[in-house]
C-alpha cells in the first residue's frame, strides 16, 4: 500500500478529521504510537492500516 492510498482510505473513513486523528490517537497495536508517528518512523502503511482498521472496527470490505 502506498502512502497516498493509506491517506485516501483514512479520509474516506474519517473525513476532514483524518489527519488530526492520525496525529492524536494512540494505538496499542502500533506499540503505543500514533498513526502519524508510526508512519514517520517508517512503519509499513499496510500494517498501520490494519491497526486502524481493527481500532475503528471497520467492515471487512474496507480491509
N, C-alpha and C. Protein backbone atom coordinates (compact mmCIF):
# COMPACT_ATOMS: atom_id res chain seq x y z
N UNK A 1 0.84 -1.17 0.00
CA UNK A 1 0.00 0.00 0.00
C UNK A 1 0.89 1.24 0.00
N UNK A 2 0.55 2.18 -0.84
CA UNK A 2 1.27 3.45 -0.89
C UNK A 2 0.69 4.41 0.15
N UNK A 3 1.49 5.39 0.50
CA UNK A 3 1.04 6.39 1.46
C UNK A 3 -0.21 7.12 0.95
N UNK A 4 -0.26 7.40 -0.34
CA UNK A 4 -1.42 8.10 -0.88
C UNK A 4 -2.69 7.27 -0.73
N UNK A 5 -2.59 5.98 -0.93
CA UNK A 5 -3.76 5.11 -0.75
C UNK A 5 -4.15 5.06 0.73
N UNK A 6 -3.16 4.98 1.61
CA UNK A 6 -3.44 4.97 3.04
C UNK A 6 -4.25 6.20 3.43
N UNK A 7 -3.74 7.39 3.05
CA UNK A 7 -4.41 8.63 3.43
C UNK A 7 -5.78 8.75 2.78
N UNK A 8 -5.90 8.28 1.58
CA UNK A 8 -7.20 8.32 0.92
C UNK A 8 -8.22 7.46 1.67
N UNK A 9 -7.79 6.27 2.07
CA UNK A 9 -8.69 5.39 2.83
C UNK A 9 -9.09 6.01 4.18
N UNK A 10 -8.09 6.58 4.86
CA UNK A 10 -8.37 7.17 6.17
C UNK A 10 -9.32 8.36 6.02
N UNK A 11 -9.12 9.15 5.00
CA UNK A 11 -10.01 10.29 4.76
C UNK A 11 -11.41 9.83 4.36
N UNK A 12 -11.50 8.71 3.65
CA UNK A 12 -12.82 8.17 3.32
C UNK A 12 -13.59 7.79 4.58
N UNK A 13 -12.87 7.29 5.57
CA UNK A 13 -13.49 6.82 6.81
C UNK A 13 -13.76 7.98 7.78
N UNK A 14 -12.79 8.86 7.94
CA UNK A 14 -12.88 9.90 8.98
C UNK A 14 -13.13 11.31 8.44
N UNK A 15 -13.12 11.45 7.15
CA UNK A 15 -13.35 12.77 6.57
C UNK A 15 -12.25 13.75 6.92
N UNK A 16 -12.66 14.99 7.17
CA UNK A 16 -11.66 16.04 7.40
C UNK A 16 -10.90 15.86 8.71
N UNK A 17 -11.38 14.98 9.58
CA UNK A 17 -10.69 14.73 10.86
C UNK A 17 -9.52 13.76 10.72
N UNK A 18 -9.32 13.16 9.56
CA UNK A 18 -8.36 12.08 9.39
C UNK A 18 -6.95 12.45 9.85
N UNK A 19 -6.44 13.57 9.39
CA UNK A 19 -5.06 13.96 9.74
C UNK A 19 -4.93 14.27 11.22
N UNK A 20 -5.92 14.93 11.78
CA UNK A 20 -5.90 15.24 13.20
C UNK A 20 -5.95 13.96 14.03
N UNK A 21 -6.83 13.05 13.66
CA UNK A 21 -6.96 11.78 14.37
C UNK A 21 -5.64 11.01 14.30
N UNK A 22 -5.01 11.03 13.13
CA UNK A 22 -3.75 10.31 12.93
C UNK A 22 -2.63 10.88 13.81
N UNK A 23 -2.69 12.15 14.10
CA UNK A 23 -1.67 12.79 14.93
C UNK A 23 -1.93 12.61 16.42
N UNK A 24 -3.19 12.44 16.80
CA UNK A 24 -3.55 12.45 18.22
C UNK A 24 -3.88 11.09 18.82
N UNK A 25 -4.39 10.16 18.03
CA UNK A 25 -4.90 8.90 18.55
C UNK A 25 -3.79 7.86 18.66
N UNK A 26 -3.56 7.37 19.85
CA UNK A 26 -2.53 6.36 20.11
C UNK A 26 -3.16 4.97 19.98
N UNK A 27 -2.48 4.10 19.25
CA UNK A 27 -2.97 2.74 19.04
C UNK A 27 -2.05 1.73 19.73
N UNK A 28 -2.62 0.89 20.53
CA UNK A 28 -1.86 -0.16 21.19
C UNK A 28 -1.19 -1.07 20.17
N UNK A 29 -1.90 -1.36 19.08
CA UNK A 29 -1.37 -2.24 18.04
C UNK A 29 -0.13 -1.66 17.36
N UNK A 30 0.10 -0.38 17.53
CA UNK A 30 1.29 0.27 16.97
C UNK A 30 2.30 0.57 18.07
N UNK A 31 2.31 -0.26 19.08
CA UNK A 31 3.22 -0.14 20.21
C UNK A 31 3.10 1.21 20.90
N UNK A 32 1.87 1.68 21.04
CA UNK A 32 1.62 2.93 21.75
C UNK A 32 1.99 4.18 20.98
N UNK A 33 2.10 4.06 19.67
CA UNK A 33 2.39 5.23 18.84
C UNK A 33 1.11 5.72 18.17
N UNK A 34 1.17 6.95 17.72
CA UNK A 34 0.07 7.45 16.90
C UNK A 34 0.26 6.92 15.49
N UNK A 35 -0.79 7.03 14.69
CA UNK A 35 -0.69 6.63 13.29
C UNK A 35 0.41 7.43 12.60
N UNK A 36 0.38 8.75 12.78
CA UNK A 36 1.39 9.61 12.15
C UNK A 36 2.79 9.26 12.64
N UNK A 37 2.92 9.01 13.93
CA UNK A 37 4.22 8.64 14.49
C UNK A 37 4.75 7.36 13.90
N UNK A 38 3.89 6.36 13.76
CA UNK A 38 4.31 5.09 13.18
C UNK A 38 4.76 5.28 11.73
N UNK A 39 3.99 6.03 10.96
CA UNK A 39 4.36 6.28 9.57
C UNK A 39 5.67 7.07 9.49
N UNK A 40 5.82 8.06 10.34
CA UNK A 40 7.04 8.87 10.35
C UNK A 40 8.27 8.04 10.70
N UNK A 41 8.07 6.99 11.49
CA UNK A 41 9.18 6.11 11.87
C UNK A 41 9.42 5.00 10.86
N UNK A 42 8.72 5.05 9.73
CA UNK A 42 8.97 4.10 8.65
C UNK A 42 8.13 2.84 8.67
N UNK A 43 7.12 2.80 9.52
CA UNK A 43 6.24 1.63 9.57
C UNK A 43 5.52 1.47 8.22
N UNK A 44 5.36 0.25 7.79
CA UNK A 44 4.68 -0.04 6.53
C UNK A 44 3.23 0.46 6.59
N UNK A 45 2.81 1.25 5.63
CA UNK A 45 1.44 1.77 5.64
C UNK A 45 0.37 0.67 5.70
N UNK A 46 0.65 -0.48 5.11
CA UNK A 46 -0.32 -1.58 5.16
C UNK A 46 -0.50 -2.07 6.59
N UNK A 47 0.59 -2.18 7.33
CA UNK A 47 0.50 -2.60 8.74
C UNK A 47 -0.26 -1.55 9.56
N UNK A 48 0.03 -0.29 9.29
CA UNK A 48 -0.66 0.79 10.00
C UNK A 48 -2.15 0.75 9.67
N UNK A 49 -2.48 0.53 8.40
CA UNK A 49 -3.89 0.46 8.01
C UNK A 49 -4.59 -0.68 8.73
N UNK A 50 -3.94 -1.83 8.85
CA UNK A 50 -4.56 -2.95 9.56
C UNK A 50 -4.85 -2.58 11.01
N UNK A 51 -3.95 -1.85 11.64
CA UNK A 51 -4.16 -1.40 13.02
C UNK A 51 -5.33 -0.42 13.09
N UNK A 52 -5.39 0.50 12.14
CA UNK A 52 -6.50 1.46 12.09
C UNK A 52 -7.81 0.72 11.86
N UNK A 53 -7.79 -0.21 10.94
CA UNK A 53 -8.99 -1.00 10.60
C UNK A 53 -9.53 -1.69 11.84
N UNK A 54 -8.65 -2.30 12.60
CA UNK A 54 -9.07 -3.01 13.81
C UNK A 54 -9.56 -2.02 14.88
N UNK A 55 -8.84 -0.93 15.05
CA UNK A 55 -9.19 0.06 16.07
C UNK A 55 -10.58 0.66 15.82
N UNK A 56 -10.86 0.95 14.56
CA UNK A 56 -12.13 1.58 14.22
C UNK A 56 -13.24 0.57 13.96
N UNK A 57 -12.89 -0.72 14.05
CA UNK A 57 -13.84 -1.81 13.82
C UNK A 57 -14.58 -1.61 12.49
N UNK A 58 -13.78 -1.41 11.45
CA UNK A 58 -14.33 -1.19 10.12
C UNK A 58 -14.79 -2.51 9.51
N UNK A 59 -15.71 -2.45 8.57
CA UNK A 59 -16.17 -3.67 7.91
C UNK A 59 -15.04 -4.36 7.14
N UNK A 60 -15.15 -5.64 7.02
CA UNK A 60 -14.12 -6.43 6.34
C UNK A 60 -13.84 -5.90 4.92
N UNK A 61 -14.86 -5.41 4.26
CA UNK A 61 -14.66 -4.92 2.88
C UNK A 61 -13.69 -3.75 2.80
N UNK A 62 -13.47 -3.07 3.92
CA UNK A 62 -12.54 -1.93 3.95
C UNK A 62 -11.13 -2.33 4.30
N UNK A 63 -10.90 -3.60 4.50
CA UNK A 63 -9.58 -4.06 4.90
C UNK A 63 -8.67 -3.95 3.72
